[in-house]
Amino acid sequence: MPLTHESEDLKMTENQNYRSISAALNNARALSDQTLIRPRDAAAMLGISRKHLYALAEQPDFPKRIYISDRVVAWRVQDLEGWINTRPATYAPTRQGGGHE
């Protein structure tokens, strides 16, 4: 079945999204320690979605948001990097009941 214009457009959109996230991550890494980054770049820096970023922001050990205005938030690059450094290098899931051994 030949590719349609819609599937070609979808592939181009996915490619643009990947480049955009990659560029955001590179930008976040190049910023100074006191620089504030908006949620999109913060999520890209952490390799997560914005939805996951906001869920993490509710955790007590996650860096606090900086309110730029009533509806605009950001995070300090330095704070996010510090949080990253507190995370374990490997993920060791905890066993949660219900399994048979």
N, C-alpha and C. Protein backbone atom coordinates (compact mmCIF):
# COMPACT_ATOMS: atom_id res chain seq x y z
N MET A 1 0.85 -1.18 0.00
CA MET A 1 0.00 0.00 0.00
C MET A 1 0.89 1.24 0.00
N PRO A 2 0.72 2.13 -0.97
CA PRO A 2 1.59 3.32 -1.04
C PRO A 2 1.32 4.27 0.11
N LEU A 3 2.35 5.02 0.46
CA LEU A 3 2.21 6.02 1.51
C LEU A 3 1.30 7.14 1.05
N THR A 4 0.44 7.57 1.91
CA THR A 4 -0.44 8.69 1.59
C THR A 4 0.22 9.98 2.06
N HIS A 5 -0.33 11.07 1.63
CA HIS A 5 0.17 12.36 2.09
C HIS A 5 0.02 12.49 3.59
N GLU A 6 -1.07 11.92 4.15
CA GLU A 6 -1.29 12.01 5.60
C GLU A 6 -0.20 11.29 6.37
N SER A 7 0.19 10.09 5.92
CA SER A 7 1.24 9.36 6.64
C SER A 7 2.59 10.04 6.48
N GLU A 8 2.83 10.65 5.32
CA GLU A 8 4.07 11.39 5.12
C GLU A 8 4.09 12.62 6.03
N ASP A 9 2.94 13.30 6.13
CA ASP A 9 2.83 14.47 7.01
C ASP A 9 3.05 14.07 8.46
N LEU A 10 2.50 12.92 8.87
CA LEU A 10 2.67 12.44 10.23
C LEU A 10 4.13 12.16 10.53
N LYS A 11 4.83 11.53 9.58
CA LYS A 11 6.25 11.26 9.79
C LYS A 11 7.04 12.56 9.90
N MET A 12 6.69 13.55 9.07
CA MET A 12 7.38 14.84 9.15
C MET A 12 7.11 15.51 10.49
N THR A 13 5.86 15.43 10.97
CA THR A 13 5.50 16.03 12.25
C THR A 13 6.26 15.34 13.39
N GLU A 14 6.35 14.01 13.38
CA GLU A 14 7.09 13.28 14.40
C GLU A 14 8.57 13.68 14.38
N ASN A 15 9.11 13.84 13.18
CA ASN A 15 10.51 14.25 13.03
C ASN A 15 10.72 15.65 13.59
N GLN A 16 9.80 16.56 13.31
CA GLN A 16 9.90 17.92 13.82
C GLN A 16 9.79 17.93 15.34
N ASN A 17 8.90 17.11 15.91
CA ASN A 17 8.76 17.04 17.36
C ASN A 17 10.05 16.54 17.99
N TYR A 18 10.65 15.51 17.39
CA TYR A 18 11.91 14.97 17.92
C TYR A 18 12.99 16.05 17.89
N ARG A 19 13.11 16.76 16.79
CA ARG A 19 14.11 17.83 16.68
C ARG A 19 13.84 18.93 17.67
N SER A 20 12.57 19.26 17.89
CA SER A 20 12.20 20.31 18.82
C SER A 20 12.57 19.93 20.25
N ILE A 21 12.26 18.70 20.64
CA ILE A 21 12.59 18.23 21.99
C ILE A 21 14.10 18.15 22.16
N SER A 22 14.78 17.67 21.13
CA SER A 22 16.23 17.58 21.19
C SER A 22 16.85 18.96 21.33
N ALA A 23 16.33 19.92 20.59
CA ALA A 23 16.84 21.29 20.67
C ALA A 23 16.56 21.88 22.05
N ALA A 24 15.38 21.61 22.60
CA ALA A 24 15.04 22.12 23.93
C ALA A 24 15.99 21.55 24.98
N LEU A 25 16.29 20.27 24.86
CA LEU A 25 17.21 19.63 25.80
C LEU A 25 18.60 20.24 25.69
N ASN A 26 19.07 20.42 24.47
CA ASN A 26 20.39 21.04 24.28
C ASN A 26 20.42 22.47 24.81
N ASN A 27 19.33 23.20 24.61
CA ASN A 27 19.25 24.57 25.12
C ASN A 27 19.29 24.58 26.64
N ALA A 28 18.54 23.70 27.26
CA ALA A 28 18.50 23.64 28.73
C ALA A 28 19.87 23.32 29.30
N ARG A 29 20.59 22.42 28.65
CA ARG A 29 21.92 22.05 29.14
C ARG A 29 22.93 23.18 28.97
N ALA A 30 22.70 24.05 28.00
CA ALA A 30 23.65 25.12 27.73
C ALA A 30 23.41 26.35 28.60
N LEU A 31 22.35 26.37 29.36
CA LEU A 31 22.00 27.54 30.15
C LEU A 31 22.82 27.63 31.42
N SER A 32 22.91 28.83 31.97
CA SER A 32 23.63 29.02 33.23
C SER A 32 22.82 28.45 34.38
N ASP A 33 23.44 28.32 35.54
CA ASP A 33 22.80 27.70 36.69
C ASP A 33 21.59 28.48 37.21
N GLN A 34 21.56 29.77 37.06
CA GLN A 34 20.44 30.57 37.57
C GLN A 34 19.35 30.79 36.54
N THR A 35 19.50 30.22 35.38
CA THR A 35 18.52 30.41 34.34
C THR A 35 17.24 29.65 34.66
N LEU A 36 16.13 30.27 34.38
CA LEU A 36 14.83 29.63 34.54
C LEU A 36 14.41 29.01 33.22
N ILE A 37 13.83 27.82 33.30
CA ILE A 37 13.31 27.20 32.09
C ILE A 37 11.85 26.86 32.29
N ARG A 38 11.10 27.02 31.22
CA ARG A 38 9.66 26.78 31.23
C ARG A 38 9.39 25.28 31.22
N PRO A 39 8.15 24.89 31.48
CA PRO A 39 7.83 23.47 31.60
C PRO A 39 8.24 22.60 30.41
N ARG A 40 8.07 23.09 29.21
CA ARG A 40 8.43 22.29 28.04
C ARG A 40 9.91 21.92 28.06
N ASP A 41 10.76 22.90 28.33
CA ASP A 41 12.20 22.64 28.36
C ASP A 41 12.60 21.84 29.59
N ALA A 42 11.93 22.08 30.72
CA ALA A 42 12.21 21.31 31.93
C ALA A 42 11.88 19.84 31.71
N ALA A 43 10.74 19.57 31.09
CA ALA A 43 10.35 18.20 30.81
C ALA A 43 11.34 17.55 29.83
N ALA A 44 11.74 18.30 28.81
CA ALA A 44 12.71 17.76 27.85
C ALA A 44 14.04 17.48 28.52
N MET A 45 14.45 18.35 29.42
CA MET A 45 15.71 18.15 30.14
C MET A 45 15.68 16.85 30.95
N LEU A 46 14.52 16.53 31.51
CA LEU A 46 14.37 15.33 32.33
C LEU A 46 13.98 14.10 31.50
N GLY A 47 13.63 14.32 30.24
CA GLY A 47 13.23 13.21 29.38
C GLY A 47 11.85 12.67 29.71
N ILE A 48 10.95 13.56 30.16
CA ILE A 48 9.61 13.15 30.55
C ILE A 48 8.59 14.07 29.88
N SER A 49 7.32 13.73 30.03
CA SER A 49 6.26 14.58 29.49
C SER A 49 5.98 15.74 30.46
N ARG A 50 5.31 16.75 29.96
CA ARG A 50 4.93 17.86 30.84
C ARG A 50 3.96 17.39 31.91
N LYS A 51 3.09 16.45 31.56
CA LYS A 51 2.14 15.91 32.54
C LYS A 51 2.91 15.25 33.69
N HIS A 52 3.94 14.48 33.36
CA HIS A 52 4.75 13.83 34.39
C HIS A 52 5.52 14.88 35.20
N LEU A 53 5.99 15.92 34.55
CA LEU A 53 6.68 17.01 35.25
C LEU A 53 5.78 17.61 36.33
N TYR A 54 4.54 17.90 35.97
CA TYR A 54 3.62 18.49 36.94
C TYR A 54 3.29 17.51 38.06
N ALA A 55 3.25 16.21 37.75
CA ALA A 55 3.02 15.21 38.79
C ALA A 55 4.22 15.17 39.75
N LEU A 56 5.43 15.22 39.20
CA LEU A 56 6.63 15.26 40.04
C LEU A 56 6.67 16.51 40.90
N ALA A 57 6.19 17.62 40.34
CA ALA A 57 6.21 18.90 41.06
C ALA A 57 5.37 18.84 42.33
N GLU A 58 4.46 17.89 42.43
CA GLU A 58 3.64 17.73 43.63
C GLU A 58 4.38 16.95 44.72
N GLN A 59 5.51 16.33 44.38
CA GLN A 59 6.28 15.56 45.35
C GLN A 59 7.13 16.50 46.19
N PRO A 60 7.29 16.21 47.49
CA PRO A 60 8.03 17.13 48.37
C PRO A 60 9.52 17.24 48.05
N ASP A 61 10.12 16.23 47.43
CA ASP A 61 11.56 16.29 47.16
C ASP A 61 11.89 16.89 45.80
N PHE A 62 10.88 17.24 45.01
CA PHE A 62 11.12 17.81 43.68
C PHE A 62 11.29 19.33 43.82
N PRO A 63 12.16 19.92 43.00
CA PRO A 63 12.36 21.38 43.08
C PRO A 63 11.05 22.16 42.94
N LYS A 64 10.97 23.23 43.68
CA LYS A 64 9.78 24.08 43.67
C LYS A 64 9.70 24.90 42.38
N ARG A 65 8.48 25.12 41.94
CA ARG A 65 8.24 25.97 40.78
C ARG A 65 8.51 27.42 41.17
N ILE A 66 8.95 28.18 40.20
CA ILE A 66 9.09 29.62 40.36
C ILE A 66 7.93 30.25 39.59
N TYR A 67 7.13 31.03 40.29
CA TYR A 67 5.99 31.68 39.63
C TYR A 67 6.45 33.01 39.04
N ILE A 68 6.43 33.08 37.73
CA ILE A 68 6.81 34.30 37.02
C ILE A 68 5.63 35.27 37.00
N SER A 69 4.44 34.71 36.86
CA SER A 69 3.20 35.49 36.94
C SER A 69 2.11 34.54 37.42
N ASP A 70 0.87 34.99 37.40
CA ASP A 70 -0.23 34.15 37.88
C ASP A 70 -0.33 32.82 37.13
N ARG A 71 -0.02 32.84 35.84
CA ARG A 71 -0.21 31.64 35.03
C ARG A 71 1.07 31.12 34.39
N VAL A 72 2.20 31.67 34.75
CA VAL A 72 3.47 31.28 34.13
C VAL A 72 4.42 30.77 35.21
N VAL A 73 4.90 29.53 35.01
CA VAL A 73 5.84 28.94 35.97
C VAL A 73 7.11 28.53 35.24
N ALA A 74 8.16 28.34 36.04
CA ALA A 74 9.45 27.89 35.49
C ALA A 74 10.20 27.17 36.61
N TRP A 75 11.30 26.55 36.26
CA TRP A 75 12.18 25.91 37.23
C TRP A 75 13.60 26.39 36.99
N ARG A 76 14.41 26.43 38.05
CA ARG A 76 15.82 26.76 37.90
C ARG A 76 16.55 25.54 37.37
N VAL A 77 17.38 25.73 36.37
CA VAL A 77 18.17 24.64 35.82
C VAL A 77 19.02 24.01 36.92
N GLN A 78 19.61 24.83 37.76
CA GLN A 78 20.46 24.35 38.85
C GLN A 78 19.67 23.43 39.79
N ASP A 79 18.44 23.80 40.11
CA ASP A 79 17.62 22.98 41.01
C ASP A 79 17.29 21.63 40.38
N LEU A 80 16.95 21.65 39.09
CA LEU A 80 16.64 20.40 38.40
C LEU A 80 17.87 19.50 38.32
N GLU A 81 19.03 20.08 38.03
CA GLU A 81 20.25 19.28 37.99
C GLU A 81 20.58 18.70 39.35
N GLY A 82 20.36 19.46 40.41
CA GLY A 82 20.58 18.95 41.76
C GLY A 82 19.65 17.78 42.07
N TRP A 83 18.40 17.89 41.64
CA TRP A 83 17.45 16.81 41.85
C TRP A 83 17.87 15.57 41.08
N ILE A 84 18.32 15.76 39.84
CA ILE A 84 18.79 14.64 39.02
C ILE A 84 19.93 13.92 39.75
N ASN A 85 20.83 14.68 40.34
CA ASN A 85 21.98 14.09 41.01
C ASN A 85 21.60 13.30 42.26
N THR A 86 20.41 13.54 42.80
CA THR A 86 19.97 12.77 43.97
C THR A 86 19.30 11.46 43.58
N ARG A 87 19.01 11.29 42.31
CA ARG A 87 18.32 10.10 41.85
C ARG A 87 19.30 8.94 41.73
N PRO A 88 18.85 7.71 41.99
CA PRO A 88 19.74 6.56 41.83
C PRO A 88 20.13 6.37 40.36
N ALA A 89 21.33 5.86 40.15
CA ALA A 89 21.82 5.66 38.78
C ALA A 89 21.03 4.57 38.07
N THR A 90 20.54 3.59 38.81
CA THR A 90 19.74 2.53 38.21
C THR A 90 18.42 2.44 38.94
N TYR A 91 17.44 1.95 38.25
CA TYR A 91 16.10 1.82 38.82
C TYR A 91 15.94 0.42 39.40
N ALA A 92 15.59 0.34 40.67
CA ALA A 92 15.34 -0.94 41.31
C ALA A 92 13.89 -0.94 41.80
N PRO A 93 12.99 -1.53 41.01
CA PRO A 93 11.57 -1.50 41.40
C PRO A 93 11.35 -2.28 42.68
N THR A 94 10.46 -1.77 43.49
CA THR A 94 10.10 -2.49 44.71
C THR A 94 9.00 -3.46 44.39
N ARG A 95 9.06 -4.59 44.99
CA ARG A 95 8.04 -5.61 44.73
C ARG A 95 6.78 -5.27 45.53
N GLN A 96 5.68 -5.20 44.85
CA GLN A 96 4.42 -4.88 45.48
C GLN A 96 3.55 -6.14 45.44
N GLY A 97 3.19 -6.71 46.55
CA GLY A 97 2.41 -7.94 46.73
C GLY A 97 1.61 -8.43 45.54
N GLY A 98 1.04 -9.58 45.72
CA GLY A 98 0.17 -10.16 44.70
C GLY A 98 0.86 -11.14 43.78
N GLY A 99 2.18 -11.17 43.77
CA GLY A 99 2.89 -12.07 42.87
C GLY A 99 3.14 -13.42 43.50
N HIS A 100 3.29 -14.42 42.69
CA HIS A 100 3.63 -15.78 43.16
C HIS A 100 5.09 -16.03 42.89
N GLU A 101 5.74 -16.64 43.84
CA GLU A 101 7.17 -16.92 43.67
C GLU A 101 7.41 -18.36 43.44
